[in-house]
C-alpha atoms as a PDB file:
ATOM      1  CA  MET A   1     -48.657 -26.129 -38.467  1.00  0.00           C
ATOM      2  CA  LEU A   2     -49.228 -26.118 -34.687  1.00  0.00           C
ATOM      3  CA  SER A   3     -45.961 -24.278 -34.046  1.00  0.00           C
ATOM      4  CA  ALA A   4     -46.849 -21.681 -36.702  1.00  0.00           C
ATOM      5  CA  ILE A   5     -50.296 -21.170 -35.132  1.00  0.00           C
ATOM      6  CA  PHE A   6     -48.853 -20.690 -31.620  1.00  0.00           C
ATOM      7  CA  THR A   7     -45.905 -18.538 -32.775  1.00  0.00           C
ATOM      8  CA  HIS A   8     -47.527 -16.278 -35.386  1.00  0.00           C
ATOM      9  CA  GLY A   9     -51.179 -16.507 -34.336  1.00  0.00           C
ATOM     10  CA  TYR A  10     -51.081 -16.272 -30.554  1.00  0.00           C
ATOM     11  CA  ASN A  11     -47.538 -14.932 -30.061  1.00  0.00           C
ATOM     12  CA  ILE A  12     -46.666 -17.887 -27.801  1.00  0.00           C
ATOM     13  CA  THR A  13     -42.886 -18.145 -28.208  1.00  0.00           C
ATOM     14  CA  ILE A  14     -41.681 -20.607 -25.571  1.00  0.00           C
ATOM     15  CA  GLN A  15     -38.603 -21.369 -27.681  1.00  0.00           C
ATOM     16  CA  ASN A  16     -37.331 -17.822 -27.027  1.00  0.00           C
ATOM     17  CA  ASN A  17     -36.961 -18.582 -23.325  1.00  0.00           C
ATOM     18  CA  ASN A  18     -35.276 -21.989 -23.333  1.00  0.00           C
ATOM     19  CA  VAL A  19     -32.057 -22.758 -25.207  1.00  0.00           C
ATOM     20  CA  VAL A  20     -32.627 -26.529 -25.450  1.00  0.00           C
ATOM     21  CA  LEU A  21     -36.194 -26.077 -26.692  1.00  0.00           C
ATOM     22  CA  CYS A  22     -34.963 -23.438 -29.153  1.00  0.00           C
ATOM     23  CA  LYS A  23     -32.387 -25.776 -30.716  1.00  0.00           C
ATOM     24  CA  ILE A  24     -34.793 -28.721 -30.885  1.00  0.00           C
ATOM     25  CA  TYR A  25     -37.560 -26.540 -32.345  1.00  0.00           C
ATOM     26  CA  ILE A  26     -35.457 -25.289 -35.287  1.00  0.00           C
ATOM     27  CA  TYR A  27     -33.718 -28.643 -35.780  1.00  0.00           C
ATOM     28  CA  VAL A  28     -36.957 -30.672 -35.956  1.00  0.00           C
ATOM     29  CA  THR A  29     -38.521 -28.026 -38.206  1.00  0.00           C
ATOM     30  CA  PHE A  30     -35.682 -28.376 -40.718  1.00  0.00           C
ATOM     31  CA  ILE A  31     -35.804 -32.182 -40.601  1.00  0.00           C
ATOM     32  CA  PHE A  32     -39.512 -32.208 -41.470  1.00  0.00           C
ATOM     33  CA  ALA A  33     -39.142 -29.417 -44.032  1.00  0.00           C
ATOM     34  CA  THR A  34     -36.420 -31.330 -45.899  1.00  0.00           C
ATOM     35  CA  GLY A  35     -37.388 -34.947 -45.147  1.00  0.00           C
ATOM     36  CA  SER A  36     -41.088 -34.877 -45.992  1.00  0.00           C
ATOM     37  CA  PRO A  37     -40.679 -33.562 -49.578  1.00  0.00           C
ATOM     38  CA  SER A  38     -37.841 -36.056 -50.070  1.00  0.00           C
ATOM     39  CA  ILE A  39     -40.177 -38.918 -49.164  1.00  0.00           C
ATOM     40  CA  LEU A  40     -42.793 -37.463 -51.522  1.00  0.00           C
ATOM     41  CA  ILE A  41     -40.155 -37.614 -54.257  1.00  0.00           C
ATOM     42  CA  LEU A  42     -39.367 -41.236 -53.343  1.00  0.00           C
ATOM     43  CA  ALA A  43     -43.083 -42.055 -53.581  1.00  0.00           C
ATOM     44  CA  SER A  44     -43.212 -40.389 -56.999  1.00  0.00           C
ATOM     45  CA  ILE A  45     -40.200 -42.447 -58.114  1.00  0.00           C
ATOM     46  CA  ASP A  46     -41.983 -45.588 -56.903  1.00  0.00           C
ATOM     47  CA  ARG A  47     -45.064 -44.666 -58.947  1.00  0.00           C
ATOM     48  CA  LEU A  48     -42.825 -44.008 -61.946  1.00  0.00           C
ATOM     49  CA  LEU A  49     -41.321 -47.475 -61.583  1.00  0.00           C
ATOM     50  CA  ILE A  50     -44.641 -49.276 -61.192  1.00  0.00           C
ATOM     51  CA  SER A  51     -46.139 -47.443 -64.175  1.00  0.00           C
ATOM     52  CA  SER A  52     -43.320 -48.588 -66.436  1.00  0.00           C
ATOM     53  CA  GLN A  53     -44.095 -51.085 -69.208  1.00  0.00           C
ATOM     54  CA  ASN A  54     -40.794 -52.845 -68.509  1.00  0.00           C
ATOM     55  CA  VAL A  55     -41.326 -55.853 -66.217  1.00  0.00           C
ATOM     56  CA  ASP A  56     -37.792 -55.665 -64.775  1.00  0.00           C
ATOM     57  CA  THR A  57     -38.248 -51.983 -63.934  1.00  0.00           C
ATOM     58  CA  ARG A  58     -41.532 -52.648 -62.103  1.00  0.00           C
ATOM     59  CA  LEU A  59     -39.771 -55.176 -59.852  1.00  0.00           C
ATOM     60  CA  TYR A  60     -37.880 -52.299 -58.184  1.00  0.00           C
ATOM     61  CA  SER A  61     -41.176 -51.089 -56.718  1.00  0.00           C
ATOM     62  CA  SER A  62     -41.131 -53.041 -53.450  1.00  0.00           C
ATOM     63  CA  LYS A  63     -41.801 -52.373 -49.776  1.00  0.00           C
ATOM     64  CA  ARG A  64     -38.318 -53.503 -48.807  1.00  0.00           C
ATOM     65  CA  LEU A  65     -36.649 -51.010 -51.122  1.00  0.00           C
ATOM     66  CA  ALA A  66     -39.082 -48.284 -50.015  1.00  0.00           C
ATOM     67  CA  TYR A  67     -38.280 -48.819 -46.311  1.00  0.00           C
ATOM     68  CA  PHE A  68     -34.559 -48.852 -47.081  1.00  0.00           C
ATOM     69  CA  MET A  69     -34.639 -45.613 -49.108  1.00  0.00           C
ATOM     70  CA  ILE A  70     -36.837 -43.829 -46.541  1.00  0.00           C
ATOM     71  CA  SER A  71     -34.409 -44.847 -43.784  1.00  0.00           C
ATOM     72  CA  ILE A  72     -31.409 -43.620 -45.780  1.00  0.00           C
ATOM     73  CA  CYS A  73     -33.160 -40.346 -46.600  1.00  0.00           C
ATOM     74  CA  THR A  74     -34.201 -39.740 -42.975  1.00  0.00           C
ATOM     75  CA  CYS A  75     -30.724 -40.503 -41.603  1.00  0.00           C
ATOM     76  CA  PHE A  76     -29.146 -38.195 -44.198  1.00  0.00           C
ATOM     77  CA  TRP A  77     -31.271 -35.189 -43.216  1.00  0.00           C
ATOM     78  CA  ILE A  78     -30.830 -35.906 -39.499  1.00  0.00           C
ATOM     79  CA  LEU A  79     -27.051 -35.780 -39.953  1.00  0.00           C
ATOM     80  CA  PHE A  80     -27.004 -32.949 -42.486  1.00  0.00           C
ATOM     81  CA  ASN A  81     -29.084 -30.607 -40.309  1.00  0.00           C
ATOM     82  CA  ILE A  82     -27.086 -31.303 -37.153  1.00  0.00           C
ATOM     83  CA  HIS A  83     -25.251 -27.992 -37.630  1.00  0.00           C
ATOM     84  CA  LEU A  84     -28.430 -26.287 -36.410  1.00  0.00           C
ATOM     85  CA  LEU A  85     -27.947 -27.749 -32.940  1.00  0.00           C
ATOM     86  CA  ILE A  86     -24.676 -25.797 -32.808  1.00  0.00           C
ATOM     87  CA  LYS A  87     -25.464 -22.591 -34.676  1.00  0.00           C
ATOM     88  CA  VAL A  88     -29.004 -21.988 -33.414  1.00  0.00           C
ATOM     89  CA  ASN A  89     -29.324 -20.172 -30.110  1.00  0.00           C
ATOM     90  CA  ILE A  90     -31.250 -17.433 -28.287  1.00  0.00           C
ATOM     91  CA  TYR A  91     -29.734 -14.117 -29.376  1.00  0.00           C
ATOM     92  CA  GLN A  92     -30.340 -10.635 -27.992  1.00  0.00           C
ATOM     93  CA  PHE A  93     -31.274  -8.194 -30.749  1.00  0.00           C
ATOM     94  CA  SER A  94     -32.230  -5.308 -28.447  1.00  0.00           C
ATOM     95  CA  PRO A  95     -32.120  -4.600 -24.704  1.00  0.00           C
ATOM     96  CA  SER A  96     -35.484  -6.325 -24.165  1.00  0.00           C
ATOM     97  CA  PHE A  97     -35.819  -8.523 -27.269  1.00  0.00           C
ATOM     98  CA  TYR A  98     -34.508 -12.103 -27.322  1.00  0.00           C
ATOM     99  CA  LEU A  99     -35.116 -14.378 -30.311  1.00  0.00           C
ATOM    100  CA  CYS A 100     -34.469 -18.025 -31.084  1.00  0.00           C
ATOM    101  CA  SER A 101     -32.598 -17.720 -34.356  1.00  0.00           C
ATOM    102  CA  TYR A 102     -29.604 -18.722 -36.435  1.00  0.00           C
ATOM    103  CA  GLU A 103     -26.141 -17.417 -35.708  1.00  0.00           C
ATOM    104  CA  PRO A 104     -26.306 -13.754 -36.842  1.00  0.00           C
ATOM    105  CA  THR A 105     -23.247 -13.851 -39.083  1.00  0.00           C
ATOM    106  CA  ASN A 106     -23.382 -12.989 -42.775  1.00  0.00           C
ATOM    107  CA  LEU A 107     -21.762 -16.248 -43.884  1.00  0.00           C
ATOM    108  CA  TYR A 108     -24.113 -18.531 -41.961  1.00  0.00           C
ATOM    109  CA  LEU A 109     -27.259 -16.542 -42.780  1.00  0.00           C
ATOM    110  CA  ASP A 110     -26.342 -16.627 -46.486  1.00  0.00           C
ATOM    111  CA  PHE A 111     -25.868 -20.386 -46.205  1.00  0.00           C
ATOM    112  CA  VAL A 112     -29.291 -20.881 -44.562  1.00  0.00           C
ATOM    113  CA  TYR A 113     -31.218 -18.665 -47.003  1.00  0.00           C
ATOM    114  CA  PHE A 114     -29.569 -19.963 -50.163  1.00  0.00           C
ATOM    115  CA  PHE A 115     -29.783 -23.580 -48.956  1.00  0.00           C
ATOM    116  CA  LEU A 116     -33.534 -23.227 -48.378  1.00  0.00           C
ATOM    117  CA  SER A 117     -34.004 -21.531 -51.761  1.00  0.00           C
ATOM    118  CA  SER A 118     -31.900 -24.103 -53.604  1.00  0.00           C
ATOM    119  CA  ILE A 119     -33.422 -27.185 -51.977  1.00  0.00           C
ATOM    120  CA  HIS A 120     -36.994 -26.043 -52.595  1.00  0.00           C
ATOM    121  CA  THR A 121     -36.180 -25.164 -56.201  1.00  0.00           C
ATOM    122  CA  LEU A 122     -34.646 -28.618 -56.625  1.00  0.00           C
ATOM    123  CA  TYR A 123     -37.705 -30.266 -55.057  1.00  0.00           C
ATOM    124  CA  VAL A 124     -40.038 -28.457 -57.444  1.00  0.00           C
ATOM    125  CA  ILE A 125     -37.951 -29.334 -60.522  1.00  0.00           C
ATOM    126  CA  VAL A 126     -37.608 -33.018 -59.574  1.00  0.00           C
ATOM    127  CA  LEU A 127     -41.316 -33.383 -58.755  1.00  0.00           C
ATOM    128  CA  LEU A 128     -42.252 -31.715 -62.033  1.00  0.00           C
ATOM    129  CA  ILE A 129     -39.989 -34.034 -64.047  1.00  0.00           C
ATOM    130  CA  LEU A 130     -41.248 -37.162 -62.243  1.00  0.00           C
ATOM    131  CA  SER A 131     -44.861 -36.100 -62.726  1.00  0.00           C
ATOM    132  CA  ILE A 132     -44.337 -35.586 -66.463  1.00  0.00           C
ATOM    133  CA  PHE A 133     -42.692 -39.003 -66.935  1.00  0.00           C
ATOM    134  CA  SER A 134     -45.336 -40.754 -64.802  1.00  0.00           C
ATOM    135  CA  PHE A 135     -48.082 -39.037 -66.791  1.00  0.00           C
ATOM    136  CA  LYS A 136     -46.482 -40.275 -70.028  1.00  0.00           C
ATOM    137  CA  ASN A 137     -46.328 -43.840 -68.666  1.00  0.00           C
ATOM    138  CA  VAL A 138     -49.992 -43.722 -67.657  1.00  0.00           C
ATOM    139  CA  HIS A 139     -50.902 -42.326 -71.075  1.00  0.00           C
ATOM    140  CA  HIS A 140     -49.147 -45.266 -72.764  1.00  0.00           C
ATOM    141  CA  ILE A 141     -50.970 -47.714 -70.465  1.00  0.00           C
ATOM    142  CA  ARG A 142     -54.323 -46.133 -71.343  1.00  0.00           C
ATOM    143  CA  LEU A 143     -53.583 -46.698 -75.044  1.00  0.00           C
ATOM    144  CA  ILE A 144     -53.083 -50.441 -74.493  1.00  0.00           C
ATOM    145  CA  PRO A 145     -56.260 -52.513 -75.084  1.00  0.00           C
ATOM    146  CA  ARG A 146     -57.964 -53.570 -71.833  1.00  0.00           C
ATOM    147  CA  GLN A 147     -57.468 -57.290 -72.460  1.00  0.00           C
ATOM    148  CA  GLN A 148     -53.760 -56.769 -73.074  1.00  0.00           C
ATOM    149  CA  GLN A 149     -53.503 -54.671 -69.900  1.00  0.00           C
ATOM    150  CA  LYS A 150     -54.705 -57.662 -67.853  1.00  0.00           C
ATOM    151  CA  GLU A 151     -52.093 -59.860 -69.497  1.00  0.00           C
ATOM    152  CA  LEU A 152     -49.309 -57.352 -68.789  1.00  0.00           C
ATOM    153  CA  ARG A 153     -50.464 -56.783 -65.172  1.00  0.00           C
ATOM    154  CA  THR A 154     -49.145 -53.248 -65.165  1.00  0.00           C
ATOM    155  CA  MET A 155     -51.228 -51.224 -62.698  1.00  0.00           C
ATOM    156  CA  THR A 156     -54.315 -51.840 -60.599  1.00  0.00           C
ATOM    157  CA  LYS A 157     -57.099 -49.337 -59.858  1.00  0.00           C
ATOM    158  CA  ARG A 158     -55.523 -48.605 -56.466  1.00  0.00           C
ATOM    159  CA  ASP A 159     -52.220 -47.853 -58.227  1.00  0.00           C
ATOM    160  CA  PHE A 160     -53.942 -45.383 -60.551  1.00  0.00           C
ATOM    161  CA  GLN A 161     -55.695 -43.720 -57.609  1.00  0.00           C
ATOM    162  CA  LEU A 162     -52.469 -43.434 -55.632  1.00  0.00           C
ATOM    163  CA  LEU A 163     -50.714 -41.971 -58.647  1.00  0.00           C
ATOM    164  CA  ARG A 164     -53.519 -39.426 -59.055  1.00  0.00           C
ATOM    165  CA  CYS A 165     -53.183 -38.462 -55.382  1.00  0.00           C
ATOM    166  CA  LEU A 166     -49.432 -38.064 -55.738  1.00  0.00           C
ATOM    167  CA  PHE A 167     -49.975 -35.773 -58.723  1.00  0.00           C
ATOM    168  CA  ALA A 168     -52.258 -33.612 -56.581  1.00  0.00           C
ATOM    169  CA  GLU A 169     -49.829 -33.643 -53.632  1.00  0.00           C
ATOM    170  CA  GLY A 170     -46.992 -32.626 -55.935  1.00  0.00           C
ATOM    171  CA  ILE A 171     -49.009 -29.722 -57.346  1.00  0.00           C
ATOM    172  CA  VAL A 172     -49.966 -28.509 -53.845  1.00  0.00           C
ATOM    173  CA  PHE A 173     -46.369 -28.700 -52.673  1.00  0.00           C
ATOM    174  CA  MET A 174     -44.976 -26.958 -55.757  1.00  0.00           C
ATOM    175  CA  ILE A 175     -47.397 -24.023 -55.428  1.00  0.00           C
ATOM    176  CA  PHE A 176     -46.649 -23.283 -51.780  1.00  0.00           C
ATOM    177  CA  ALA A 177     -42.941 -24.127 -52.074  1.00  0.00           C
ATOM    178  CA  LEU A 178     -42.575 -21.538 -54.838  1.00  0.00           C
ATOM    179  CA  LEU A 179     -44.170 -18.911 -52.580  1.00  0.00           C
ATOM    180  CA  ILE A 180     -41.823 -19.491 -49.647  1.00  0.00           C
ATOM    181  CA  ASN A 181     -38.906 -19.968 -52.036  1.00  0.00           C
ATOM    182  CA  GLY A 182     -39.507 -16.529 -53.531  1.00  0.00           C
ATOM    183  CA  TYR A 183     -39.587 -15.033 -50.046  1.00  0.00           C
ATOM    184  CA  TYR A 184     -36.318 -16.745 -49.045  1.00  0.00           C
ATOM    185  CA  PHE A 185     -34.626 -15.552 -52.230  1.00  0.00           C
ATOM    186  CA  TYR A 186     -35.855 -11.996 -51.695  1.00  0.00           C
ATOM    187  CA  ALA A 187     -34.705 -12.048 -48.063  1.00  0.00           C
ATOM    188  CA  ALA A 188     -31.272 -13.288 -49.099  1.00  0.00           C
ATOM    189  CA  ILE A 189     -30.585 -10.627 -51.733  1.00  0.00           C
ATOM    190  CA  THR A 190     -32.047  -7.705 -49.718  1.00  0.00           C
ATOM    191  CA  ARG A 191     -30.697  -8.636 -46.288  1.00  0.00           C
ATOM    192  CA  GLU A 192     -28.109  -5.819 -46.294  1.00  0.00           C
ATOM    193  CA  GLN A 193     -30.583  -3.106 -47.310  1.00  0.00           C
ATOM    194  CA  ILE A 194     -31.759  -0.534 -44.772  1.00  0.00           C
ATOM    195  CA  ARG A 195     -35.531  -0.719 -44.320  1.00  0.00           C
ATOM    196  CA  THR A 196     -38.081   1.717 -42.966  1.00  0.00           C
ATOM    197  CA  PRO A 197     -40.349   0.569 -40.112  1.00  0.00           C
ATOM    198  CA  LEU A 198     -43.212   0.206 -42.607  1.00  0.00           C
ATOM    199  CA  GLN A 199     -41.123  -1.997 -44.933  1.00  0.00           C
ATOM    200  CA  THR A 200     -40.022  -4.122 -41.979  1.00  0.00           C
ATOM    201  CA  ALA A 201     -43.625  -4.561 -40.822  1.00  0.00           C
ATOM    202  CA  VAL A 202     -44.825  -5.486 -44.327  1.00  0.00           C
ATOM    203  CA  GLU A 203     -41.980  -7.971 -44.877  1.00  0.00           C
ATOM    204  CA  THR A 204     -42.559  -9.538 -41.460  1.00  0.00           C
ATOM    205  CA  PHE A 205     -46.262  -9.923 -42.196  1.00  0.00           C
ATOM    206  CA  VAL A 206     -45.621 -11.432 -45.652  1.00  0.00           C
ATOM    207  CA  GLY A 207     -42.975 -13.765 -44.218  1.00  0.00           C
ATOM    208  CA  ASN A 208     -45.350 -14.982 -41.489  1.00  0.00           C
ATOM    209  CA  VAL A 209     -48.166 -15.535 -43.998  1.00  0.00           C
ATOM    210  CA  PHE A 210     -45.927 -17.464 -46.406  1.00  0.00           C
ATOM    211  CA  SER A 211     -44.460 -19.501 -43.530  1.00  0.00           C
ATOM    212  CA  PHE A 212     -47.986 -20.421 -42.433  1.00  0.00           C
ATOM    213  CA  LEU A 213     -49.071 -21.294 -45.991  1.00  0.00           C
ATOM    214  CA  TYR A 214     -45.957 -23.432 -46.424  1.00  0.00           C
ATOM    215  CA  ASN A 215     -47.332 -25.779 -43.737  1.00  0.00           C
ATOM    216  CA  ILE A 216     -50.437 -26.549 -45.825  1.00  0.00           C
ATOM    217  CA  PRO A 217     -48.808 -29.262 -48.036  1.00  0.00           C
ATOM    218  CA  TYR A 218     -47.861 -31.175 -44.875  1.00  0.00           C
ATOM    219  CA  CYS A 219     -51.509 -31.122 -43.720  1.00  0.00           C
ATOM    220  CA  ALA A 220     -53.176 -31.666 -47.102  1.00  0.00           C
ATOM    221  CA  ASN A 221     -52.441 -35.380 -47.561  1.00  0.00           C
ATOM    222  CA  PHE A 222     -55.598 -36.610 -45.827  1.00  0.00           C
ATOM    223  CA  PHE A 223     -57.857 -34.224 -47.753  1.00  0.00           C
ATOM    224  CA  VAL A 224     -56.195 -35.097 -51.081  1.00  0.00           C
ATOM    225  CA  PHE A 225     -56.616 -38.832 -50.536  1.00  0.00           C
ATOM    226  CA  ILE A 226     -60.167 -38.603 -49.158  1.00  0.00           C
ATOM    227  CA  SER A 227     -61.293 -36.545 -52.163  1.00  0.00           C
ATOM    228  CA  LEU A 228     -59.454 -38.357 -54.982  1.00  0.00           C
ATOM    229  CA  SER A 229     -59.178 -42.004 -53.913  1.00  0.00           C
ATOM    230  CA  LYS A 230     -62.235 -44.246 -53.581  1.00  0.00           C
ATOM    231  CA  ALA A 231     -60.076 -47.030 -52.128  1.00  0.00           C
ATOM    232  CA  PHE A 232     -58.789 -44.695 -49.413  1.00  0.00           C
ATOM    233  CA  ARG A 233     -62.329 -43.578 -48.559  1.00  0.00           C
ATOM    234  CA  GLN A 234     -63.421 -47.195 -48.194  1.00  0.00           C
ATOM    235  CA  ASP A 235     -60.405 -48.040 -46.029  1.00  0.00           C
ATOM    236  CA  PHE A 236     -61.011 -44.953 -43.894  1.00  0.00           C
ATOM    237  CA  LYS A 237     -64.701 -45.809 -43.490  1.00  0.00           C
ATOM    238  CA  ARG A 238     -63.745 -49.355 -42.496  1.00  0.00           C
ATOM    239  CA  LEU A 239     -61.284 -47.978 -39.927  1.00  0.00           C
ATOM    240  CA  VAL A 240     -63.906 -45.651 -38.439  1.00  0.00           C
ATOM    241  CA  TYR A 241     -66.382 -48.534 -38.105  1.00  0.00           C
ATOM    242  CA  LYS A 242     -63.675 -50.660 -36.499  1.00  0.00           C
ATOM    243  CA  ILE A 243     -62.846 -47.935 -33.966  1.00  0.00           C
ATOM    244  CA  CYS A 244     -66.527 -47.508 -33.158  1.00  0.00           C
ATOM    245  CA  GLY A 245     -66.841 -51.287 -32.664  1.00  0.00           C
ATOM    246  CA  LYS A 246     -69.210 -51.775 -35.576  1.00  0.00           C
ATOM    247  CA  ASN A 247     -68.991 -54.313 -38.378  1.00  0.00           C
ATOM    248  CA  ILE A 248     -69.278 -52.682 -41.786  1.00  0.00           C
ATOM    249  CA  MET A 249     -71.031 -55.730 -43.273  1.00  0.00           C
ATOM    250  CA  ALA A 250     -73.559 -55.726 -40.414  1.00  0.00           C
ATOM    251  CA  MET A 251     -74.142 -52.013 -40.954  1.00  0.00           C
ATOM    252  CA  ARG A 252     -74.775 -52.582 -44.670  1.00  0.00           C
ATOM    253  CA  ALA A 253     -77.181 -55.440 -43.935  1.00  0.00           C
ATOM    254  CA  GLU A 254     -79.030 -53.271 -41.435  1.00  0.00           C
ATOM    255  CA  ASN A 255     -79.267 -50.425 -43.958  1.00  0.00           C
ATOM    256  CA  ASN A 256     -80.566 -52.819 -46.610  1.00  0.00           C
ATOM    257  CA  GLN A 257     -83.254 -54.079 -44.233  1.00  0.00           C
ATOM    258  CA  ILE A 258     -84.312 -50.504 -43.460  1.00  0.00           C
ATOM    259  CA  ASN A 259     -84.483 -49.702 -47.174  1.00  0.00           C
ATOM    260  CA  LEU A 260     -86.556 -52.825 -47.878  1.00  0.00           C
ATOM    261  CA  ALA A 261     -88.928 -51.974 -45.050  1.00  0.00           C
ATOM    262  CA  ALA A 262     -89.369 -48.462 -46.419  1.00  0.00           C
ATOM    263  CA  MET A 263     -90.038 -49.803 -49.923  1.00  0.00           C
ATOM    264  CA  ASN A 264     -92.653 -52.258 -48.575  1.00  0.00           C
ATOM    265  CA  GLN A 265     -94.459 -49.485 -46.735  1.00  0.00           C
ATOM    266  CA  THR A 266     -94.650 -47.393 -49.898  1.00  0.00           C
END
């Protein structure tokens, strides 16, 4: 989000002047763009496992397995995107215009555009499928009598809240991923067409807007959790009190005393 604000908002393009910074900028961007949705999918799989009525299936939902899968996923995208460190460079597109970009060959540009379109389409499909199956599991749990739910020990309130937040995160990601995915697909199939200056300006503006909007899912997690999860709000409040050096129980006792004093005066 910060890079998009500096690049598209204030026209601060330091990466166009330094080759090392250019390569790192594009490389890190791709790692986050591919790794973060992958971890969201892993979290959705974890929620699918823990919402299962099968005891053996729920056992796969563990911190150890989560850390292992996140590490594997991160290492995979770090290695897969390493081609960017080779193909990305500062290229001269006019006598006075230098741009940090991919190698300007048809084969590599087709690979980049169709890879981005395909991976985002795959992310959306997988998230949609996982959300549907998780929703079905939760629906079955809701149909079980409350007393039997305690005996089965399926999901706690925090689990339900986290699952609700993941649903919301998946919806936010799917909406904005479809926007940028449509732009990538359009850019790939019309790349060889000759454009007028007006068409170029409009497409550049739309591309910058969609690129900026695509950063929203990566910044929306806090707002999703703070609005949909009571447990997260309590934990966040406790953290704020801890940072400020205040005890939450002492604050509550002080508030209760103030309320009692006000009631006595009335």
